Amino acid sequence: MTDVPDDQLMREVRRLATEREALTRKRAEVTEQLRAATVRLVQAGEISESQAAALAGVNRNTLRTWLGKQDWL
């Protein structure tokens, strides 16, 4: 183990957990903004689904989900 007191380690874990939670919320917010902007771009006919998926950094299935489409097997 280390020479760091347990209470200091607990504070560090709490701090990191809080930071992780904030980053998770931020990621969700940015993903929603990306989804909305990408959907608007595709619906405006400015770009194909494949191009939009590549531009947004997602796979085509994710894009189709964002567009409310489902691929049936």
PDB file of N, CA and C in Angstrom:
ATOM      1  N   MET A   1       0.826  -1.185   0.000  1.00  0.00           N
ATOM      2  CA  MET A   1       0.000   0.000   0.000  1.00  0.00           C
ATOM      3  C   MET A   1       0.871   1.251   0.000  1.00  0.00           C
ATOM      4  N   THR A   2       0.230   2.388   0.174  1.00  0.00           N
ATOM      5  CA  THR A   2       0.966   3.656   0.186  1.00  0.00           C
ATOM      6  C   THR A   2       0.940   4.265   1.575  1.00  0.00           C
ATOM      7  N   ASP A   3       1.658   5.362   1.725  1.00  0.00           N
ATOM      8  CA  ASP A   3       1.680   6.078   2.997  1.00  0.00           C
ATOM      9  C   ASP A   3       0.554   7.100   3.099  1.00  0.00           C
ATOM     10  N   VAL A   4      -0.311   7.166   2.103  1.00  0.00           N
ATOM     11  CA  VAL A   4      -1.403   8.140   2.094  1.00  0.00           C
ATOM     12  C   VAL A   4      -2.494   7.662   3.047  1.00  0.00           C
ATOM     13  N   PRO A   5      -2.946   8.527   3.952  1.00  0.00           N
ATOM     14  CA  PRO A   5      -4.016   8.122   4.874  1.00  0.00           C
ATOM     15  C   PRO A   5      -5.291   7.761   4.121  1.00  0.00           C
ATOM     16  N   ASP A   6      -6.049   6.840   4.681  1.00  0.00           N
ATOM     17  CA  ASP A   6      -7.287   6.378   4.054  1.00  0.00           C
ATOM     18  C   ASP A   6      -8.255   7.521   3.775  1.00  0.00           C
ATOM     19  N   ASP A   7      -8.372   8.487   4.691  1.00  0.00           N
ATOM     20  CA  ASP A   7      -9.314   9.583   4.473  1.00  0.00           C
ATOM     21  C   ASP A   7      -8.912  10.429   3.267  1.00  0.00           C
ATOM     22  N   GLN A   8      -7.633  10.551   3.025  1.00  0.00           N
ATOM     23  CA  GLN A   8      -7.171  11.296   1.844  1.00  0.00           C
ATOM     24  C   GLN A   8      -7.514  10.526   0.566  1.00  0.00           C
ATOM     25  N   LEU A   9      -7.333   9.224   0.612  1.00  0.00           N
ATOM     26  CA  LEU A   9      -7.695   8.396  -0.543  1.00  0.00           C
ATOM     27  C   LEU A   9      -9.201   8.442  -0.794  1.00  0.00           C
ATOM     28  N   MET A  10      -9.976   8.429   0.263  1.00  0.00           N
ATOM     29  CA  MET A  10     -11.431   8.501   0.108  1.00  0.00           C
ATOM     30  C   MET A  10     -11.843   9.827  -0.513  1.00  0.00           C
ATOM     31  N   ARG A  11     -11.226  10.915  -0.093  1.00  0.00           N
ATOM     32  CA  ARG A  11     -11.532  12.221  -0.687  1.00  0.00           C
ATOM     33  C   ARG A  11     -11.170  12.232  -2.169  1.00  0.00           C
ATOM     34  N   GLU A  12     -10.040  11.621  -2.496  1.00  0.00           N
ATOM     35  CA  GLU A  12      -9.615  11.563  -3.900  1.00  0.00           C
ATOM     36  C   GLU A  12     -10.615  10.764  -4.732  1.00  0.00           C
ATOM     37  N   VAL A  13     -11.062   9.641  -4.205  1.00  0.00           N
ATOM     38  CA  VAL A  13     -12.043   8.821  -4.923  1.00  0.00           C
ATOM     39  C   VAL A  13     -13.346   9.598  -5.099  1.00  0.00           C
ATOM     40  N   ARG A  14     -13.798  10.280  -4.062  1.00  0.00           N
ATOM     41  CA  ARG A  14     -15.025  11.085  -4.164  1.00  0.00           C
ATOM     42  C   ARG A  14     -14.870  12.187  -5.207  1.00  0.00           C
ATOM     43  N   ARG A  15     -13.711  12.844  -5.200  1.00  0.00           N
ATOM     44  CA  ARG A  15     -13.455  13.917  -6.161  1.00  0.00           C
ATOM     45  C   ARG A  15     -13.494  13.374  -7.585  1.00  0.00           C
ATOM     46  N   LEU A  16     -12.828  12.252  -7.794  1.00  0.00           N
ATOM     47  CA  LEU A  16     -12.799  11.658  -9.131  1.00  0.00           C
ATOM     48  C   LEU A  16     -14.187  11.182  -9.563  1.00  0.00           C
ATOM     49  N   ALA A  17     -14.954  10.641  -8.638  1.00  0.00           N
ATOM     50  CA  ALA A  17     -16.313  10.198  -8.961  1.00  0.00           C
ATOM     51  C   ALA A  17     -17.185  11.385  -9.362  1.00  0.00           C
ATOM     52  N   THR A  18     -17.035  12.487  -8.652  1.00  0.00           N
ATOM     53  CA  THR A  18     -17.790  13.702  -8.976  1.00  0.00           C
ATOM     54  C   THR A  18     -17.388  14.232 -10.346  1.00  0.00           C
ATOM     55  N   GLU A  19     -16.097  14.226 -10.610  1.00  0.00           N
ATOM     56  CA  GLU A  19     -15.604  14.691 -11.909  1.00  0.00           C
ATOM     57  C   GLU A  19     -16.116  13.798 -13.032  1.00  0.00           C
ATOM     58  N   ARG A  20     -16.102  12.488 -12.799  1.00  0.00           N
ATOM     59  CA  ARG A  20     -16.587  11.545 -13.806  1.00  0.00           C
ATOM     60  C   ARG A  20     -18.073  11.772 -14.082  1.00  0.00           C
ATOM     61  N   GLU A  21     -18.848  11.997 -13.038  1.00  0.00           N
ATOM     62  CA  GLU A  21     -20.281  12.252 -13.204  1.00  0.00           C
ATOM     63  C   GLU A  21     -20.523  13.508 -14.035  1.00  0.00           C
ATOM     64  N   ALA A  22     -19.761  14.552 -13.768  1.00  0.00           N
ATOM     65  CA  ALA A  22     -19.902  15.803 -14.527  1.00  0.00           C
ATOM     66  C   ALA A  22     -19.541  15.584 -15.994  1.00  0.00           C
ATOM     67  N   LEU A  23     -18.481  14.831 -16.241  1.00  0.00           N
ATOM     68  CA  LEU A  23     -18.072  14.554 -17.619  1.00  0.00           C
ATOM     69  C   LEU A  23     -19.112  13.704 -18.346  1.00  0.00           C
ATOM     70  N   THR A  24     -19.721  12.775 -17.637  1.00  0.00           N
ATOM     71  CA  THR A  24     -20.767  11.944 -18.234  1.00  0.00           C
ATOM     72  C   THR A  24     -21.954  12.801 -18.655  1.00  0.00           C
ATOM     73  N   ARG A  25     -22.356  13.738 -17.785  1.00  0.00           N
ATOM     74  CA  ARG A  25     -23.456  14.658 -18.136  1.00  0.00           C
ATOM     75  C   ARG A  25     -23.080  15.510 -19.340  1.00  0.00           C
ATOM     76  N   LYS A  26     -21.854  16.026 -19.359  1.00  0.00           N
ATOM     77  CA  LYS A  26     -21.394  16.872 -20.466  1.00  0.00           C
ATOM     78  C   LYS A  26     -21.386  16.079 -21.769  1.00  0.00           C
ATOM     79  N   ARG A  27     -20.929  14.837 -21.708  1.00  0.00           N
ATOM     80  CA  ARG A  27     -20.901  13.997 -22.907  1.00  0.00           C
ATOM     81  C   ARG A  27     -22.313  13.787 -23.445  1.00  0.00           C
ATOM     82  N   ALA A  28     -23.268  13.554 -22.565  1.00  0.00           N
ATOM     83  CA  ALA A  28     -24.659  13.369 -22.989  1.00  0.00           C
ATOM     84  C   ALA A  28     -25.197  14.635 -23.648  1.00  0.00           C
ATOM     85  N   GLU A  29     -24.883  15.790 -23.079  1.00  0.00           N
ATOM     86  CA  GLU A  29     -25.337  17.068 -23.646  1.00  0.00           C
ATOM     87  C   GLU A  29     -24.748  17.293 -25.037  1.00  0.00           C
ATOM     88  N   VAL A  30     -23.454  17.063 -25.176  1.00  0.00           N
ATOM     89  CA  VAL A  30     -22.789  17.279 -26.465  1.00  0.00           C
ATOM     90  C   VAL A  30     -23.294  16.274 -27.498  1.00  0.00           C
ATOM     91  N   THR A  31     -23.516  15.040 -27.078  1.00  0.00           N
ATOM     92  CA  THR A  31     -24.038  14.026 -27.997  1.00  0.00           C
ATOM     93  C   THR A  31     -25.420  14.422 -28.502  1.00  0.00           C
ATOM     94  N   GLU A  32     -26.254  14.957 -27.631  1.00  0.00           N
ATOM     95  CA  GLU A  32     -27.588  15.401 -28.045  1.00  0.00           C
ATOM     96  C   GLU A  32     -27.490  16.559 -29.035  1.00  0.00           C
ATOM     97  N   GLN A  33     -26.589  17.481 -28.802  1.00  0.00           N
ATOM     98  CA  GLN A  33     -26.389  18.597 -29.732  1.00  0.00           C
ATOM     99  C   GLN A  33     -25.889  18.086 -31.083  1.00  0.00           C
ATOM    100  N   LEU A  34     -24.962  17.135 -31.053  1.00  0.00           N
ATOM    101  CA  LEU A  34     -24.439  16.535 -32.285  1.00  0.00           C
ATOM    102  C   LEU A  34     -25.555  15.818 -33.030  1.00  0.00           C
ATOM    103  N   ARG A  35     -26.376  15.056 -32.307  1.00  0.00           N
ATOM    104  CA  ARG A  35     -27.483  14.335 -32.931  1.00  0.00           C
ATOM    105  C   ARG A  35     -28.439  15.304 -33.618  1.00  0.00           C
ATOM    106  N   ALA A  36     -28.833  16.349 -32.914  1.00  0.00           N
ATOM    107  CA  ALA A  36     -29.792  17.309 -33.465  1.00  0.00           C
ATOM    108  C   ALA A  36     -29.234  18.010 -34.703  1.00  0.00           C
ATOM    109  N   ALA A  37     -27.992  18.431 -34.645  1.00  0.00           N
ATOM    110  CA  ALA A  37     -27.381  19.126 -35.783  1.00  0.00           C
ATOM    111  C   ALA A  37     -27.237  18.192 -36.982  1.00  0.00           C
ATOM    112  N   THR A  38     -26.857  16.950 -36.728  1.00  0.00           N
ATOM    113  CA  THR A  38     -26.681  15.983 -37.812  1.00  0.00           C
ATOM    114  C   THR A  38     -28.019  15.663 -38.460  1.00  0.00           C
ATOM    115  N   VAL A  39     -29.047  15.480 -37.662  1.00  0.00           N
ATOM    116  CA  VAL A  39     -30.389  15.205 -38.192  1.00  0.00           C
ATOM    117  C   VAL A  39     -30.860  16.372 -39.053  1.00  0.00           C
ATOM    118  N   ARG A  40     -30.669  17.598 -38.577  1.00  0.00           N
ATOM    119  CA  ARG A  40     -31.079  18.771 -39.371  1.00  0.00           C
ATOM    120  C   ARG A  40     -30.350  18.796 -40.712  1.00  0.00           C
ATOM    121  N   LEU A  41     -29.073  18.486 -40.708  1.00  0.00           N
ATOM    122  CA  LEU A  41     -28.269  18.498 -41.927  1.00  0.00           C
ATOM    123  C   LEU A  41     -28.787  17.468 -42.929  1.00  0.00           C
ATOM    124  N   VAL A  42     -29.072  16.261 -42.456  1.00  0.00           N
ATOM    125  CA  VAL A  42     -29.574  15.212 -43.347  1.00  0.00           C
ATOM    126  C   VAL A  42     -30.974  15.565 -43.840  1.00  0.00           C
ATOM    127  N   GLN A  43     -31.838  16.029 -42.953  1.00  0.00           N
ATOM    128  CA  GLN A  43     -33.209  16.360 -43.345  1.00  0.00           C
ATOM    129  C   GLN A  43     -33.268  17.520 -44.328  1.00  0.00           C
ATOM    130  N   ALA A  44     -32.284  18.395 -44.280  1.00  0.00           N
ATOM    131  CA  ALA A  44     -32.230  19.514 -45.228  1.00  0.00           C
ATOM    132  C   ALA A  44     -31.760  19.052 -46.603  1.00  0.00           C
ATOM    133  N   GLY A  45     -31.336  17.795 -46.697  1.00  0.00           N
ATOM    134  CA  GLY A  45     -30.877  17.262 -47.972  1.00  0.00           C
ATOM    135  C   GLY A  45     -29.496  17.740 -48.365  1.00  0.00           C
ATOM    136  N   GLU A  46     -28.758  18.252 -47.406  1.00  0.00           N
ATOM    137  CA  GLU A  46     -27.432  18.801 -47.685  1.00  0.00           C
ATOM    138  C   GLU A  46     -26.353  17.734 -47.778  1.00  0.00           C
ATOM    139  N   ILE A  47     -26.643  16.536 -47.266  1.00  0.00           N
ATOM    140  CA  ILE A  47     -25.603  15.523 -47.135  1.00  0.00           C
ATOM    141  C   ILE A  47     -26.271  14.147 -47.077  1.00  0.00           C
ATOM    142  N   SER A  48     -25.577  13.130 -47.555  1.00  0.00           N
ATOM    143  CA  SER A  48     -26.123  11.773 -47.508  1.00  0.00           C
ATOM    144  C   SER A  48     -25.972  11.198 -46.100  1.00  0.00           C
ATOM    145  N   GLU A  49     -26.702  10.120 -45.850  1.00  0.00           N
ATOM    146  CA  GLU A  49     -26.591   9.466 -44.544  1.00  0.00           C
ATOM    147  C   GLU A  49     -25.168   8.984 -44.287  1.00  0.00           C
ATOM    148  N   SER A  50     -24.538   8.402 -45.297  1.00  0.00           N
ATOM    149  CA  SER A  50     -23.166   7.907 -45.123  1.00  0.00           C
ATOM    150  C   SER A  50     -22.202   9.039 -44.810  1.00  0.00           C
ATOM    151  N   GLN A  51     -22.343  10.134 -45.533  1.00  0.00           N
ATOM    152  CA  GLN A  51     -21.473  11.287 -45.294  1.00  0.00           C
ATOM    153  C   GLN A  51     -21.717  11.866 -43.903  1.00  0.00           C
ATOM    154  N   ALA A  52     -22.978  11.940 -43.507  1.00  0.00           N
ATOM    155  CA  ALA A  52     -23.315  12.491 -42.195  1.00  0.00           C
ATOM    156  C   ALA A  52     -22.753  11.622 -41.076  1.00  0.00           C
ATOM    157  N   ALA A  53     -22.856  10.309 -41.234  1.00  0.00           N
ATOM    158  CA  ALA A  53     -22.316   9.399 -40.221  1.00  0.00           C
ATOM    159  C   ALA A  53     -20.812   9.593 -40.078  1.00  0.00           C
ATOM    160  N   ALA A  54     -20.123   9.673 -41.209  1.00  0.00           N
ATOM    161  CA  ALA A  54     -18.668   9.876 -41.168  1.00  0.00           C
ATOM    162  C   ALA A  54     -18.324  11.220 -40.541  1.00  0.00           C
ATOM    163  N   LEU A  55     -19.039  12.255 -40.925  1.00  0.00           N
ATOM    164  CA  LEU A  55     -18.791  13.593 -40.392  1.00  0.00           C
ATOM    165  C   LEU A  55     -19.019  13.644 -38.880  1.00  0.00           C
ATOM    166  N   ALA A  56     -20.073  12.982 -38.414  1.00  0.00           N
ATOM    167  CA  ALA A  56     -20.413  12.995 -36.990  1.00  0.00           C
ATOM    168  C   ALA A  56     -19.567  12.020 -36.173  1.00  0.00           C
ATOM    169  N   GLY A  57     -18.854  11.133 -36.860  1.00  0.00           N
ATOM    170  CA  GLY A  57     -18.019  10.168 -36.143  1.00  0.00           C
ATOM    171  C   GLY A  57     -18.809   9.032 -35.518  1.00  0.00           C
ATOM    172  N   VAL A  58     -19.923   8.685 -36.163  1.00  0.00           N
ATOM    173  CA  VAL A  58     -20.749   7.572 -35.682  1.00  0.00           C
ATOM    174  C   VAL A  58     -20.937   6.584 -36.825  1.00  0.00           C
ATOM    175  N   ASN A  59     -21.398   5.387 -36.499  1.00  0.00           N
ATOM    176  CA  ASN A  59     -21.654   4.438 -37.581  1.00  0.00           C
ATOM    177  C   ASN A  59     -23.039   4.702 -38.172  1.00  0.00           C
ATOM    178  N   ARG A  60     -23.286   4.107 -39.303  1.00  0.00           N
ATOM    179  CA  ARG A  60     -24.535   4.374 -40.023  1.00  0.00           C
ATOM    180  C   ARG A  60     -25.759   3.923 -39.231  1.00  0.00           C
ATOM    181  N   ASN A  61     -25.636   2.835 -38.487  1.00  0.00           N
ATOM    182  CA  ASN A  61     -26.770   2.376 -37.677  1.00  0.00           C
ATOM    183  C   ASN A  61     -27.138   3.403 -36.607  1.00  0.00           C
ATOM    184  N   THR A  62     -26.141   4.020 -35.999  1.00  0.00           N
ATOM    185  CA  THR A  62     -26.413   5.071 -35.011  1.00  0.00           C
ATOM    186  C   THR A  62     -27.121   6.234 -35.683  1.00  0.00           C
ATOM    187  N   LEU A  63     -26.637   6.616 -36.846  1.00  0.00           N
ATOM    188  CA  LEU A  63     -27.268   7.720 -37.569  1.00  0.00           C
ATOM    189  C   LEU A  63     -28.716   7.394 -37.906  1.00  0.00           C
ATOM    190  N   ARG A  64     -28.957   6.182 -38.370  1.00  0.00           N
ATOM    191  CA  ARG A  64     -30.324   5.796 -38.727  1.00  0.00           C
ATOM    192  C   ARG A  64     -31.226   5.789 -37.493  1.00  0.00           C
ATOM    193  N   THR A  65     -30.684   5.423 -36.348  1.00  0.00           N
ATOM    194  CA  THR A  65     -31.450   5.507 -35.098  1.00  0.00           C
ATOM    195  C   THR A  65     -31.790   6.956 -34.800  1.00  0.00           C
ATOM    196  N   TRP A  66     -30.810   7.844 -34.952  1.00  0.00           N
ATOM    197  CA  TRP A  66     -31.039   9.276 -34.738  1.00  0.00           C
ATOM    198  C   TRP A  66     -32.139   9.791 -35.658  1.00  0.00           C
ATOM    199  N   LEU A  67     -32.204   9.246 -36.876  1.00  0.00           N
ATOM    200  CA  LEU A  67     -33.200   9.679 -37.859  1.00  0.00           C
ATOM    201  C   LEU A  67     -34.551   8.994 -37.652  1.00  0.00           C
ATOM    202  N   GLY A  68     -34.619   8.086 -36.691  1.00  0.00           N
ATOM    203  CA  GLY A  68     -35.868   7.385 -36.414  1.00  0.00           C
ATOM    204  C   GLY A  68     -36.131   6.241 -37.364  1.00  0.00           C
ATOM    205  N   LYS A  69     -35.087   5.772 -38.046  1.00  0.00           N
ATOM    206  CA  LYS A  69     -35.219   4.661 -38.978  1.00  0.00           C
ATOM    207  C   LYS A  69     -34.716   3.400 -38.298  1.00  0.00           C
ATOM    208  N   GLN A  70     -35.288   2.263 -38.711  1.00  0.00           N
ATOM    209  CA  GLN A  70     -34.822   0.988 -38.184  1.00  0.00           C
ATOM    210  C   GLN A  70     -34.529   0.073 -39.347  1.00  0.00           C
ATOM    211  N   ASP A  71     -33.432  -0.627 -39.238  1.00  0.00           N
ATOM    212  CA  ASP A  71     -33.083  -1.625 -40.246  1.00  0.00           C
ATOM    213  C   ASP A  71     -33.626  -2.967 -39.773  1.00  0.00           C
ATOM    214  N   TRP A  72     -34.536  -3.522 -40.536  1.00  0.00           N
ATOM    215  CA  TRP A  72     -35.104  -4.815 -40.178  1.00  0.00           C
ATOM    216  C   TRP A  72     -34.306  -5.902 -40.857  1.00  0.00           C
ATOM    217  N   LEU A  73     -34.004  -6.927 -40.106  1.00  0.00           N
ATOM    218  CA  LEU A  73     -33.226  -8.049 -40.652  1.00  0.00           C
ATOM    219  C   LEU A  73     -34.105  -8.982 -41.430  1.00  0.00           C
TER     220      LEU A  73
END
